[in-house]
N, C-alpha and C. Protein backbone atom coordinates (compact mmCIF):
# COMPACT_ATOMS: atom_id res chain seq x y z
N MET A 1 1.47 -8.89 -17.23
CA MET A 1 0.21 -8.89 -17.81
C MET A 1 -0.40 -10.09 -16.98
N LEU A 2 -1.29 -9.33 -15.82
CA LEU A 2 -1.69 -10.87 -15.14
C LEU A 2 -2.64 -11.86 -15.64
N ASP A 3 -2.24 -12.96 -15.44
CA ASP A 3 -3.39 -14.02 -15.75
C ASP A 3 -4.65 -13.43 -15.28
N ASP A 4 -5.92 -13.56 -15.63
CA ASP A 4 -7.48 -13.70 -15.35
C ASP A 4 -7.66 -14.64 -15.07
N TYR A 5 -7.05 -15.59 -14.55
CA TYR A 5 -7.61 -16.79 -14.19
C TYR A 5 -7.32 -16.77 -12.59
N LEU A 6 -8.27 -17.18 -11.69
CA LEU A 6 -8.22 -17.34 -10.59
C LEU A 6 -8.41 -18.26 -9.48
N LYS A 7 -7.95 -18.86 -8.58
CA LYS A 7 -8.03 -20.17 -7.96
C LYS A 7 -7.67 -19.65 -6.73
N ILE A 8 -8.56 -19.62 -5.92
CA ILE A 8 -8.37 -19.99 -4.31
C ILE A 8 -7.50 -20.83 -3.75
N ILE A 9 -6.57 -20.42 -2.85
CA ILE A 9 -6.01 -21.54 -2.38
C ILE A 9 -6.19 -21.96 -1.04
N ASP A 10 -6.60 -20.51 -0.05
CA ASP A 10 -7.23 -21.08 1.15
C ASP A 10 -7.59 -20.25 1.83
N ARG A 11 -9.17 -19.44 2.81
CA ARG A 11 -10.01 -18.96 2.78
C ARG A 11 -10.32 -19.82 4.42
N CYS A 12 -10.47 -18.47 5.20
CA CYS A 12 -10.71 -18.74 6.27
C CYS A 12 -11.32 -18.08 7.51
N SER A 13 -11.43 -17.72 8.11
CA SER A 13 -12.19 -16.92 9.41
C SER A 13 -11.40 -16.87 10.24
N THR A 14 -10.91 -15.41 10.94
CA THR A 14 -10.60 -14.83 11.89
C THR A 14 -11.08 -14.17 12.82
N PRO A 15 -10.36 -13.74 14.15
CA PRO A 15 -11.06 -12.50 14.80
C PRO A 15 -11.39 -11.59 14.60
N HIS A 16 -11.12 -11.37 12.86
CA HIS A 16 -11.03 -9.97 12.18
C HIS A 16 -11.80 -9.95 10.69
N GLY A 17 -12.43 -10.98 10.87
CA GLY A 17 -13.35 -11.42 10.00
C GLY A 17 -12.69 -12.42 8.76
N GLU A 18 -12.87 -12.13 7.32
CA GLU A 18 -12.58 -13.47 6.47
C GLU A 18 -11.47 -13.01 5.83
N ILE A 19 -10.48 -14.36 5.73
CA ILE A 19 -9.14 -13.51 5.25
C ILE A 19 -8.67 -14.70 3.87
N GLN A 20 -8.49 -14.34 2.71
CA GLN A 20 -8.18 -15.38 1.47
C GLN A 20 -6.97 -15.08 0.72
N LEU A 21 -6.49 -16.47 0.41
CA LEU A 21 -5.53 -16.57 -0.48
C LEU A 21 -6.03 -17.10 -1.64
N GLN A 22 -5.56 -16.29 -2.81
CA GLN A 22 -5.66 -16.56 -4.18
C GLN A 22 -4.57 -16.50 -5.01
N ARG A 23 -4.48 -17.08 -6.48
CA ARG A 23 -3.45 -16.94 -6.94
C ARG A 23 -3.76 -16.88 -8.35
N ARG A 24 -3.70 -15.76 -8.86
CA ARG A 24 -3.26 -15.51 -10.64
C ARG A 24 -2.29 -16.20 -11.67
N GLY A 25 -2.32 -16.80 -12.17
CA GLY A 25 -1.09 -17.81 -12.18
C GLY A 25 -0.10 -17.63 -11.76
N THR A 26 0.73 -17.73 -12.14
CA THR A 26 2.09 -17.73 -10.57
C THR A 26 1.96 -16.94 -9.61
N GLU A 27 1.29 -15.92 -9.60
CA GLU A 27 1.46 -14.42 -8.67
C GLU A 27 0.28 -15.23 -7.66
N TYR A 28 0.39 -14.41 -5.97
CA TYR A 28 -1.08 -14.80 -5.39
C TYR A 28 -1.13 -13.45 -4.95
N GLU A 29 -2.35 -12.98 -4.56
CA GLU A 29 -2.59 -11.84 -3.51
C GLU A 29 -3.85 -12.22 -2.24
N ILE A 30 -3.64 -11.67 -1.71
CA ILE A 30 -4.35 -11.54 -0.05
C ILE A 30 -5.35 -10.77 -0.15
N ILE A 31 -7.03 -11.17 -0.05
CA ILE A 31 -7.65 -10.17 0.55
C ILE A 31 -8.08 -10.48 1.56
N SER A 32 -9.01 -9.56 2.51
CA SER A 32 -9.43 -9.65 3.85
C SER A 32 -10.26 -8.36 4.06
N ASN A 33 -12.12 -9.43 4.34
CA ASN A 33 -12.44 -8.43 4.27
C ASN A 33 -13.35 -8.65 3.05
N GLY A 34 -12.99 -9.10 1.61
CA GLY A 34 -13.30 -8.71 0.21
C GLY A 34 -12.71 -7.31 -0.60
N THR A 35 -11.83 -6.97 0.92
CA THR A 35 -10.86 -5.83 0.25
C THR A 35 -9.34 -6.87 0.22
N PHE A 36 -9.05 -5.98 -1.29
CA PHE A 36 -7.69 -6.32 -1.34
C PHE A 36 -6.58 -5.60 -0.73
N LEU A 37 -5.90 -6.21 -0.35
CA LEU A 37 -4.66 -6.11 1.01
C LEU A 37 -3.26 -5.97 0.41
N MET A 38 -3.15 -7.17 -0.54
CA MET A 38 -1.18 -7.20 -0.77
C MET A 38 -1.53 -8.43 -2.05
N ALA A 39 -0.08 -8.26 -3.08
CA ALA A 39 0.08 -9.10 -3.70
C ALA A 39 1.50 -9.61 -4.19
N THR A 40 1.98 -10.63 -4.99
CA THR A 40 3.38 -10.92 -5.00
C THR A 40 3.78 -10.22 -5.82
N TYR A 41 3.23 -9.72 -6.75
CA TYR A 41 3.53 -9.16 -8.19
C TYR A 41 4.02 -7.33 -8.16
N ASN A 42 3.94 -6.99 -6.97
CA ASN A 42 4.58 -5.77 -7.14
C ASN A 42 4.73 -5.31 -6.13
N GLY A 43 6.72 -5.25 -5.09
CA GLY A 43 6.55 -4.71 -3.94
C GLY A 43 7.62 -3.87 -4.04
N GLU A 44 7.71 -2.81 -5.11
CA GLU A 44 8.67 -1.99 -4.71
C GLU A 44 8.44 -0.99 -3.73
N SER A 45 7.11 -0.31 -3.27
CA SER A 45 7.19 -0.13 -2.43
C SER A 45 7.24 -0.36 -1.59
N GLU A 46 6.79 -1.80 -1.24
CA GLU A 46 6.78 -2.46 -0.13
C GLU A 46 8.51 -2.13 0.70
N LYS A 47 9.53 -2.33 -0.67
CA LYS A 47 10.74 -2.11 0.12
C LYS A 47 11.15 -0.89 -0.12
N LEU A 48 10.78 0.06 -0.84
CA LEU A 48 11.00 1.48 -0.64
C LEU A 48 10.95 2.34 0.68
N LEU A 49 10.03 1.52 1.51
CA LEU A 49 9.62 1.49 2.76
C LEU A 49 10.48 1.64 3.76
N VAL A 50 11.00 0.90 3.38
CA VAL A 50 12.35 0.37 4.55
C VAL A 50 13.38 1.17 4.04
N LYS A 51 13.90 0.77 2.45
CA LYS A 51 15.15 1.35 2.14
C LYS A 51 15.28 2.91 2.49
N ALA A 52 13.95 3.59 2.13
CA ALA A 52 14.27 4.91 2.46
C ALA A 52 14.09 5.63 3.89
N ALA A 53 13.90 4.29 5.28
CA ALA A 53 13.88 4.70 6.16
C ALA A 53 15.34 4.39 6.90
N LEU A 54 16.39 4.00 6.19
CA LEU A 54 17.66 3.49 6.41
C LEU A 54 18.80 4.18 6.12
N ASP A 55 17.91 4.87 4.86
CA ASP A 55 18.81 5.76 4.57
C ASP A 55 18.69 7.26 5.38
N ALA A 56 17.61 7.33 5.61
CA ALA A 56 17.03 8.15 6.38
C ALA A 56 17.57 8.35 8.33
N CYS A 57 17.90 6.90 8.79
CA CYS A 57 18.95 6.80 9.70
C CYS A 57 19.93 7.36 9.51
N GLY A 58 20.73 7.27 8.16
CA GLY A 58 22.16 7.22 8.07
C GLY A 58 23.30 6.67 9.36
N LYS A 59 22.98 5.49 9.21
CA LYS A 59 23.62 4.67 10.61
C LYS A 59 23.88 3.06 10.22
N ASP A 60 24.90 2.61 10.86
CA ASP A 60 25.03 1.21 10.85
C ASP A 60 24.15 0.29 11.81
N LYS A 61 24.40 -0.76 11.66
CA LYS A 61 24.24 -1.58 13.15
C LYS A 61 22.56 -1.35 13.79
N CYS A 62 21.37 -0.87 12.59
CA CYS A 62 20.15 -0.88 13.15
C CYS A 62 19.11 -1.82 13.57
N SER A 63 18.21 -1.21 14.91
CA SER A 63 17.10 -1.96 14.91
C SER A 63 15.78 -1.64 14.13
N VAL A 64 15.38 -2.62 13.60
CA VAL A 64 13.96 -2.42 12.58
C VAL A 64 12.63 -2.60 13.11
N LEU A 65 11.83 -2.29 13.38
CA LEU A 65 10.38 -2.48 13.46
C LEU A 65 9.60 -2.48 12.11
N ILE A 66 8.54 -3.53 11.74
CA ILE A 66 8.21 -3.84 10.70
C ILE A 66 6.80 -3.71 11.18
N GLY A 67 5.64 -3.03 10.66
CA GLY A 67 4.17 -3.85 11.07
C GLY A 67 3.35 -3.72 9.75
N GLY A 68 3.35 -4.91 10.06
CA GLY A 68 2.46 -5.64 8.75
C GLY A 68 3.41 -6.87 8.27
N LEU A 69 3.62 -7.95 7.81
CA LEU A 69 4.12 -9.08 7.25
C LEU A 69 3.73 -8.54 5.55
N GLY A 70 2.37 -8.83 5.66
CA GLY A 70 3.05 -8.87 4.23
C GLY A 70 3.13 -10.33 3.37
N VAL A 71 3.32 -10.22 2.07
CA VAL A 71 4.10 -10.76 1.93
C VAL A 71 5.76 -11.55 2.09
N GLY A 72 6.02 -10.22 2.67
CA GLY A 72 7.61 -10.42 3.64
C GLY A 72 8.12 -9.86 2.30
N TYR A 73 8.11 -8.68 1.56
CA TYR A 73 9.13 -7.13 0.86
C TYR A 73 9.88 -6.44 1.72
N SER A 74 8.99 -6.43 2.96
CA SER A 74 9.62 -5.63 3.86
C SER A 74 10.66 -6.26 4.17
N LEU A 75 10.18 -6.87 4.82
CA LEU A 75 11.10 -7.89 5.39
C LEU A 75 12.31 -8.15 4.79
N ALA A 76 12.04 -8.97 3.79
CA ALA A 76 13.31 -8.91 2.83
C ALA A 76 14.91 -7.42 2.90
N GLU A 77 13.85 -7.22 1.89
CA GLU A 77 14.50 -5.47 2.31
C GLU A 77 15.49 -5.27 3.51
N ALA A 78 14.68 -5.53 4.73
CA ALA A 78 15.37 -5.17 6.08
C ALA A 78 16.53 -6.14 6.33
N ILE A 79 16.09 -7.42 5.58
CA ILE A 79 16.99 -8.38 6.30
C ILE A 79 18.39 -8.35 5.24
N GLY A 80 17.84 -7.99 4.21
CA GLY A 80 18.91 -7.57 3.08
C GLY A 80 20.27 -6.67 3.35
N ASP A 81 19.51 -5.58 3.54
CA ASP A 81 20.52 -4.35 4.06
C ASP A 81 21.35 -4.84 5.24
N ALA A 82 22.75 -4.91 4.47
CA ALA A 82 23.71 -4.31 6.01
C ALA A 82 23.95 -3.74 7.37
N ARG A 83 22.81 -2.35 6.90
CA ARG A 83 23.05 -1.49 7.71
C ARG A 83 22.21 -1.96 8.87
N THR A 84 21.25 -2.92 8.88
CA THR A 84 20.30 -4.17 9.76
C THR A 84 21.28 -4.89 11.07
N GLU A 85 20.72 -4.81 12.36
CA GLU A 85 21.00 -5.48 12.55
C GLU A 85 19.79 -6.41 13.65
N GLN A 86 19.18 -5.90 13.77
CA GLN A 86 17.56 -6.87 14.24
C GLN A 86 16.65 -5.89 13.50
N VAL A 87 15.49 -7.03 13.71
CA VAL A 87 14.59 -7.06 12.32
C VAL A 87 13.15 -7.69 12.93
N ILE A 88 12.56 -6.61 13.75
CA ILE A 88 10.73 -7.31 14.10
C ILE A 88 10.00 -6.57 13.62
N VAL A 89 9.64 -8.12 12.82
CA VAL A 89 7.99 -7.84 12.13
C VAL A 89 6.76 -8.24 13.39
N VAL A 90 5.83 -7.54 13.58
CA VAL A 90 4.78 -7.80 13.93
C VAL A 90 3.49 -7.73 12.80
N GLU A 91 3.08 -9.06 12.99
CA GLU A 91 1.95 -9.04 12.37
C GLU A 91 0.83 -9.78 13.26
N ILE A 92 -0.39 -9.69 12.66
CA ILE A 92 -1.62 -9.76 13.70
C ILE A 92 -2.65 -11.02 13.03
N GLU A 93 -2.06 -10.82 12.15
CA GLU A 93 -3.40 -12.29 11.37
C GLU A 93 -2.29 -13.50 11.52
N GLU A 94 -2.21 -14.44 12.13
CA GLU A 94 -1.76 -15.79 11.79
C GLU A 94 -1.98 -16.50 10.62
N LYS A 95 -2.42 -16.23 10.44
CA LYS A 95 -2.65 -17.05 8.72
C LYS A 95 -2.09 -16.62 7.81
N ILE A 96 -1.89 -15.14 8.14
CA ILE A 96 -0.27 -14.61 6.97
C ILE A 96 1.11 -15.09 6.77
N ILE A 97 1.06 -15.39 8.82
CA ILE A 97 2.78 -16.18 9.03
C ILE A 97 3.10 -17.23 8.73
N ASP A 98 1.23 -18.19 8.29
CA ASP A 98 1.66 -19.41 8.01
C ASP A 98 1.92 -19.41 6.67
N TRP A 99 0.99 -18.94 5.60
CA TRP A 99 1.53 -18.57 4.20
C TRP A 99 2.72 -17.64 3.82
N TYR A 100 2.92 -17.28 4.69
CA TYR A 100 4.21 -16.36 4.35
C TYR A 100 5.33 -17.98 4.25
N ARG A 101 5.21 -18.70 5.15
CA ARG A 101 6.69 -19.88 5.54
C ARG A 101 6.22 -20.70 4.47
N SER A 102 5.29 -20.84 3.96
CA SER A 102 4.65 -22.10 3.18
C SER A 102 4.81 -21.92 1.68
N ILE A 103 4.27 -20.33 1.52
CA ILE A 103 4.25 -20.11 -0.03
C ILE A 103 4.79 -18.98 -0.12
N PHE A 104 4.84 -17.78 0.13
CA PHE A 104 5.75 -16.27 0.13
C PHE A 104 7.16 -16.47 0.39
N ALA A 105 7.28 -17.52 1.32
CA ALA A 105 9.39 -17.46 1.33
C ALA A 105 9.54 -17.44 -0.07
N GLU A 106 9.40 -18.19 -1.07
CA GLU A 106 10.16 -18.32 -2.05
C GLU A 106 10.51 -17.32 -2.70
N PHE A 107 9.50 -16.14 -2.67
CA PHE A 107 9.50 -14.43 -3.55
C PHE A 107 10.73 -13.49 -2.93
N THR A 108 11.10 -13.99 -1.30
CA THR A 108 11.70 -13.54 -0.14
C THR A 108 12.84 -13.93 -0.58
N GLY A 109 13.31 -15.17 -0.42
CA GLY A 109 14.45 -15.45 -0.26
C GLY A 109 14.90 -16.49 1.05
N ASN A 110 13.92 -16.25 1.61
CA ASN A 110 13.67 -17.12 2.89
C ASN A 110 13.84 -16.49 3.94
N ALA A 111 13.17 -14.85 3.80
CA ALA A 111 13.99 -13.97 4.77
C ALA A 111 13.54 -14.23 6.29
N VAL A 112 12.64 -15.33 6.44
CA VAL A 112 12.33 -16.14 7.55
C VAL A 112 13.70 -16.11 8.86
N ASP A 113 14.21 -16.66 7.82
CA ASP A 113 14.95 -17.95 8.50
C ASP A 113 16.15 -16.83 8.32
N ASN A 114 16.58 -15.64 8.64
CA ASN A 114 18.12 -14.72 8.79
C ASN A 114 17.38 -14.79 10.36
N LYS A 115 18.62 -14.70 11.22
CA LYS A 115 19.08 -14.66 12.26
C LYS A 115 18.82 -13.06 12.62
N LYS A 116 18.83 -12.91 12.23
CA LYS A 116 18.16 -11.03 12.42
C LYS A 116 16.40 -10.96 12.19
N ALA A 117 15.99 -12.12 11.70
CA ALA A 117 14.59 -11.66 12.02
C ALA A 117 13.89 -12.07 12.69
N ASN A 118 12.77 -11.73 12.93
CA ASN A 118 11.82 -12.46 14.62
C ASN A 118 10.14 -11.69 14.26
N ILE A 119 10.18 -12.80 13.77
CA ILE A 119 8.00 -12.61 13.65
C ILE A 119 7.22 -12.08 14.64
N ILE A 120 6.46 -11.58 15.31
CA ILE A 120 5.93 -11.75 16.40
C ILE A 120 4.10 -12.07 15.81
N HIS A 121 3.93 -12.93 16.21
CA HIS A 121 2.02 -12.87 16.14
C HIS A 121 1.36 -11.70 17.37
N ALA A 122 0.92 -10.74 16.49
CA ALA A 122 0.37 -10.09 18.23
C ALA A 122 -0.56 -9.17 17.32
N ASP A 123 -0.95 -7.87 18.01
CA ASP A 123 -1.76 -6.88 17.63
C ASP A 123 -0.67 -5.35 17.20
N LEU A 124 -0.31 -5.18 16.50
CA LEU A 124 0.51 -4.31 16.62
C LEU A 124 0.55 -2.96 17.06
N ILE A 125 -0.93 -2.70 17.62
CA ILE A 125 -1.59 -1.50 18.58
C ILE A 125 -1.70 -1.60 19.70
N GLN A 126 -1.71 -2.94 20.28
CA GLN A 126 -1.50 -3.34 21.49
C GLN A 126 0.02 -3.29 22.07
N TRP A 127 0.94 -3.97 20.76
CA TRP A 127 2.84 -4.16 21.51
C TRP A 127 3.29 -3.05 21.58
N ILE A 128 2.28 -2.37 20.50
CA ILE A 128 3.40 -1.18 20.69
C ILE A 128 2.84 -0.51 21.97
N SER A 129 2.34 -0.30 22.54
CA SER A 129 1.63 0.48 23.88
C SER A 129 2.76 -0.31 25.09
N GLN A 130 2.38 -1.78 24.87
CA GLN A 130 3.25 -2.42 25.92
C GLN A 130 4.75 -2.57 25.98
N THR A 131 5.10 -2.79 24.59
CA THR A 131 7.18 -3.16 24.36
C THR A 131 7.61 -1.84 25.40
N GLN A 132 8.59 -1.74 25.92
CA GLN A 132 10.40 -1.27 26.24
C GLN A 132 11.02 -1.08 25.15
N GLU A 133 11.07 -1.73 23.83
CA GLU A 133 12.01 -1.43 22.98
C GLU A 133 12.16 -0.41 22.31
N THR A 134 13.02 -0.09 21.41
CA THR A 134 13.28 1.33 21.35
C THR A 134 13.67 0.58 19.40
N PHE A 135 13.43 1.42 18.68
CA PHE A 135 13.90 1.14 17.46
C PHE A 135 14.88 2.58 16.30
N ASP A 136 15.81 2.20 15.82
CA ASP A 136 16.45 3.44 15.16
C ASP A 136 14.76 3.78 13.71
N ALA A 137 14.30 2.60 12.89
CA ALA A 137 13.78 2.46 12.80
C ALA A 137 12.38 2.02 12.56
N ILE A 138 11.02 2.34 12.34
CA ILE A 138 9.87 1.94 12.35
C ILE A 138 8.87 1.95 11.06
N CYS A 139 9.19 0.92 10.60
CA CYS A 139 8.32 1.23 9.08
C CYS A 139 6.77 0.44 9.12
N LEU A 140 5.54 1.20 8.94
CA LEU A 140 4.30 0.87 8.76
C LEU A 140 3.47 0.50 7.37
N ASP A 141 3.22 -0.41 7.91
CA ASP A 141 2.23 -1.10 6.25
C ASP A 141 0.89 -1.99 6.53
N ILE A 142 0.03 -0.55 7.22
CA ILE A 142 -1.33 -1.60 8.50
C ILE A 142 -1.78 -0.85 7.45
N ASP A 143 -2.87 -1.93 6.74
CA ASP A 143 -3.91 -1.58 6.20
C ASP A 143 -3.65 -1.46 5.05
N ASN A 144 -4.25 -0.20 4.35
CA ASN A 144 -3.51 0.83 2.88
C ASN A 144 -3.75 1.99 3.51
N GLY A 145 -3.11 2.25 4.60
CA GLY A 145 -3.17 3.69 4.62
C GLY A 145 -4.08 4.68 5.81
N PRO A 146 -3.59 6.00 6.13
CA PRO A 146 -4.22 6.37 6.96
C PRO A 146 -6.09 6.87 6.38
N ASP A 147 -6.12 6.67 5.06
CA ASP A 147 -7.66 7.29 4.55
C ASP A 147 -8.37 6.02 4.42
N TRP A 148 -8.32 4.86 4.07
CA TRP A 148 -8.72 3.58 3.89
C TRP A 148 -8.36 2.53 4.46
N THR A 149 -8.94 2.16 6.20
CA THR A 149 -8.36 1.06 7.02
C THR A 149 -9.09 -0.25 6.64
N VAL A 150 -9.83 -1.38 6.39
CA VAL A 150 -10.26 -2.45 6.55
C VAL A 150 -10.38 -2.67 7.75
N PHE A 151 -10.06 -2.39 9.03
CA PHE A 151 -10.10 -2.02 10.34
C PHE A 151 -10.11 -1.05 10.51
N GLN A 152 -11.15 -0.34 11.23
CA GLN A 152 -11.23 0.65 11.59
C GLN A 152 -10.57 0.71 12.86
N GLU A 153 -10.20 0.09 14.03
CA GLU A 153 -9.40 0.44 14.69
C GLU A 153 -7.88 0.36 14.40
N ASN A 154 -7.47 0.50 13.76
CA ASN A 154 -6.55 1.04 13.04
C ASN A 154 -5.92 2.64 12.95
N LYS A 155 -7.13 3.39 12.46
CA LYS A 155 -7.00 4.75 12.43
C LYS A 155 -6.33 4.75 13.36
N CYS A 156 -6.40 5.05 14.43
CA CYS A 156 -5.74 5.58 15.76
C CYS A 156 -4.19 5.22 15.51
N LEU A 157 -3.51 4.16 15.15
CA LEU A 157 -2.45 4.51 14.38
C LEU A 157 -2.33 6.32 13.64
N TYR A 158 -2.52 6.78 13.08
CA TYR A 158 -2.45 7.59 12.47
C TYR A 158 -2.94 9.25 12.40
N GLY A 159 -3.36 8.57 14.07
CA GLY A 159 -3.86 9.60 14.79
C GLY A 159 -2.73 10.12 16.09
N ASP A 160 -3.03 11.65 16.23
CA ASP A 160 -2.12 11.81 17.26
C ASP A 160 -1.82 11.36 18.60
N GLU A 161 -2.57 10.52 18.90
CA GLU A 161 -2.40 9.36 20.19
C GLU A 161 -0.96 8.47 19.54
N GLY A 162 -1.63 7.57 18.25
CA GLY A 162 -0.69 6.83 17.66
C GLY A 162 0.28 7.02 17.52
N LEU A 163 0.89 8.76 16.57
CA LEU A 163 1.77 9.44 16.47
C LEU A 163 2.39 9.09 17.57
N LYS A 164 2.51 9.64 18.71
CA LYS A 164 3.07 9.68 20.28
C LYS A 164 4.04 8.93 20.38
N THR A 165 2.37 7.20 20.77
CA THR A 165 3.56 5.83 20.76
C THR A 165 4.52 4.94 19.97
N LEU A 166 4.09 6.24 18.55
CA LEU A 166 5.26 5.47 17.75
C LEU A 166 6.45 6.38 18.22
N SER A 167 6.67 7.57 18.21
CA SER A 167 7.55 8.33 18.51
C SER A 167 7.88 7.78 19.56
N ARG A 168 7.85 7.78 20.58
CA ARG A 168 8.07 6.82 22.11
C ARG A 168 8.57 5.80 21.60
N LEU A 169 9.13 5.02 20.99
CA LEU A 169 10.23 3.19 20.40
C LEU A 169 10.77 4.16 19.77
N LEU A 170 11.06 5.40 19.10
CA LEU A 170 11.97 6.06 18.64
C LEU A 170 12.92 6.16 19.31
N LYS A 171 14.83 6.01 19.33
CA LYS A 171 15.68 6.43 19.56
C LYS A 171 16.19 7.97 18.90
N PRO A 172 17.31 8.22 19.57
CA PRO A 172 17.54 9.96 19.31
C PRO A 172 17.98 9.31 17.38
N ASN A 173 17.41 10.87 16.82
CA ASN A 173 17.20 10.40 15.59
C ASN A 173 16.92 9.62 14.47
N GLY A 174 15.79 8.91 15.47
CA GLY A 174 15.22 7.93 14.51
C GLY A 174 14.16 8.47 14.24
N VAL A 175 13.29 7.06 12.90
CA VAL A 175 13.05 7.52 11.32
C VAL A 175 11.66 6.69 11.41
N ILE A 176 10.16 7.12 11.10
CA ILE A 176 9.26 6.31 11.09
C ILE A 176 8.98 6.54 9.48
N SER A 177 8.51 5.21 8.55
CA SER A 177 7.80 5.27 7.31
C SER A 177 6.85 4.64 7.26
N PHE A 178 5.66 5.66 6.84
CA PHE A 178 4.37 5.37 6.61
C PHE A 178 3.88 4.76 5.63
N TRP A 179 3.77 3.31 4.98
CA TRP A 179 3.00 3.07 3.44
C TRP A 179 1.81 3.54 3.16
N SER A 180 1.25 4.00 2.13
CA SER A 180 -0.08 4.23 2.31
C SER A 180 -0.50 4.55 0.49
N SER A 181 -1.75 3.71 0.33
CA SER A 181 -2.33 3.31 -1.13
C SER A 181 -2.77 4.66 -1.44
N SER A 182 -2.74 5.76 -1.05
CA SER A 182 -3.03 6.59 -1.87
C SER A 182 -2.75 8.26 -0.86
N SER A 183 -2.71 9.54 -0.94
CA SER A 183 -1.72 10.45 -0.41
C SER A 183 -3.22 10.72 0.54
N SER A 184 -2.60 11.90 1.60
CA SER A 184 -3.46 12.57 2.36
C SER A 184 -2.71 13.47 3.17
N ALA A 185 -3.79 14.91 2.54
CA ALA A 185 -3.52 15.79 3.13
C ALA A 185 -3.44 16.28 4.08
N ASP A 186 -4.61 15.71 4.79
CA ASP A 186 -4.82 15.42 6.14
C ASP A 186 -3.78 15.08 7.13
N PHE A 187 -3.46 13.69 7.06
CA PHE A 187 -2.51 12.81 7.99
C PHE A 187 -1.11 13.74 7.60
N LEU A 188 -0.35 14.60 6.41
CA LEU A 188 0.68 14.64 6.35
C LEU A 188 0.70 16.39 7.26
N GLU A 189 -0.08 17.00 7.14
CA GLU A 189 -0.13 18.13 8.01
C GLU A 189 -0.12 17.86 9.50
N ARG A 190 -0.66 16.25 9.86
CA ARG A 190 -0.80 15.88 11.69
C ARG A 190 0.68 15.72 11.23
N LEU A 191 1.66 14.77 10.85
CA LEU A 191 3.12 14.58 10.55
C LEU A 191 3.68 15.61 10.82
N HIS A 192 3.47 16.63 10.20
CA HIS A 192 4.19 17.98 10.34
C HIS A 192 4.01 18.39 12.05
N ILE A 193 3.18 18.04 12.45
CA ILE A 193 3.19 18.79 14.41
C ILE A 193 4.20 17.95 15.13
N HIS A 194 4.59 16.50 14.78
CA HIS A 194 4.71 15.56 15.37
C HIS A 194 6.36 15.61 15.28
N PHE A 195 6.26 15.47 14.47
CA PHE A 195 7.84 15.45 13.19
C PHE A 195 8.86 16.61 12.90
N SER A 196 10.03 16.76 12.66
CA SER A 196 11.14 18.06 12.54
C SER A 196 10.65 18.23 10.97
N THR A 197 11.07 16.91 9.94
CA THR A 197 11.44 16.55 9.21
C THR A 197 10.34 15.56 8.72
N VAL A 198 9.66 15.99 7.53
CA VAL A 198 8.65 15.08 7.01
C VAL A 198 8.96 14.89 4.97
N THR A 199 8.94 13.64 4.20
CA THR A 199 8.87 13.74 3.32
C THR A 199 8.06 12.91 2.37
N THR A 200 7.32 12.91 1.36
CA THR A 200 6.91 12.44 0.52
C THR A 200 7.06 11.27 -0.71
N LEU A 201 7.03 10.29 -0.62
CA LEU A 201 7.77 9.99 -1.26
C LEU A 201 6.65 8.92 -2.60
N SER A 202 6.86 8.93 -4.14
CA SER A 202 5.41 8.85 -5.12
C SER A 202 6.13 7.31 -5.50
N ILE A 203 5.17 6.05 -5.66
CA ILE A 203 6.31 4.70 -6.19
C ILE A 203 4.61 4.68 -7.18
N ASP A 204 4.97 4.97 -8.83
CA ASP A 204 4.43 4.44 -9.79
C ASP A 204 4.51 2.78 -9.94
N THR A 205 2.66 2.33 -9.93
CA THR A 205 2.54 1.16 -9.91
C THR A 205 1.92 0.48 -11.45
N ASN A 206 2.54 -0.94 -11.55
CA ASN A 206 2.06 -1.21 -13.04
C ASN A 206 0.29 -1.77 -12.75
N GLN A 207 0.23 -1.98 -11.25
CA GLN A 207 -1.07 -2.35 -11.08
C GLN A 207 -2.56 -1.56 -11.21
N SER A 208 -2.02 -0.02 -11.24
CA SER A 208 -2.59 0.42 -10.45
C SER A 208 -2.87 2.45 -11.30
N GLU A 209 -3.57 2.99 -11.64
CA GLU A 209 -3.53 3.97 -12.21
C GLU A 209 -2.94 5.42 -11.26
N GLU A 210 -3.28 5.13 -9.66
CA GLU A 210 -2.67 5.83 -9.02
C GLU A 210 -1.28 5.78 -8.10
N PRO A 211 -0.21 6.40 -7.64
CA PRO A 211 1.16 5.50 -7.39
C PRO A 211 0.42 5.53 -6.02
N ASP A 212 1.65 4.64 -5.56
CA ASP A 212 1.63 4.41 -3.61
C ASP A 212 2.41 5.24 -3.18
N PHE A 213 2.09 5.18 -2.09
CA PHE A 213 2.85 6.93 -1.35
C PHE A 213 3.44 6.45 -0.16
N ILE A 214 4.67 6.85 0.11
CA ILE A 214 5.66 6.81 1.71
C ILE A 214 5.31 7.83 2.23
N TYR A 215 5.51 7.72 3.87
CA TYR A 215 5.55 9.01 4.42
C TYR A 215 6.92 8.48 5.27
N LEU A 216 8.24 9.32 5.43
CA LEU A 216 8.91 9.70 5.61
C LEU A 216 8.68 10.49 7.04
N SER A 217 8.89 10.23 7.93
CA SER A 217 8.91 11.49 9.27
C SER A 217 10.21 11.09 10.69
N LYS A 218 11.01 11.76 11.14
CA LYS A 218 11.86 12.26 11.62
C LYS A 218 12.23 13.06 12.93
N LEU A 219 11.75 12.45 13.85
CA LEU A 219 12.53 13.13 15.21
C LEU A 219 13.04 14.22 14.83
């Protein structure tokens, strides 16, 4: 059970608004513009986001792109999997990267120090439009999913043009996994237009009555 006592550890203004790090007992939460984004006390769905994509790839020496660092559970899962060779994480908030290195690393086994890891401070939308790299697996944990975005500009990632851009970055038989805090019939329908195989996974959490969802999509 979570401690009700809340202590604000850090708060700052960024080009994207206000971001806050707060602690409840031994756990941490990140709040962006007043909206809960992520916490250290529940990382199972973030881990499955990566594991399910790697399972679907069915190969070794995978190159992985993770959109959104969060508290680092997805990165740790990718680094700890023997099937990965390279893991790139693109995170828009430099402060989250700083918090990861100073606070969250203890929750994820200091995955950032692994030679397979490369954390890039950049806007994922801009980065994917410019990069020439391709990946076996792309794992996206941006905002709270397609239907609940803190930043409106992130909606394009889940639209037709965003899905086309992401598909261009996939190697043959590549997989994209999308994390969402809620189910989305419209997004599921859109995925079926762009991908040959789409699978929906749900993960019950202790902190919410509703499960988290992962949409696994393969060319």
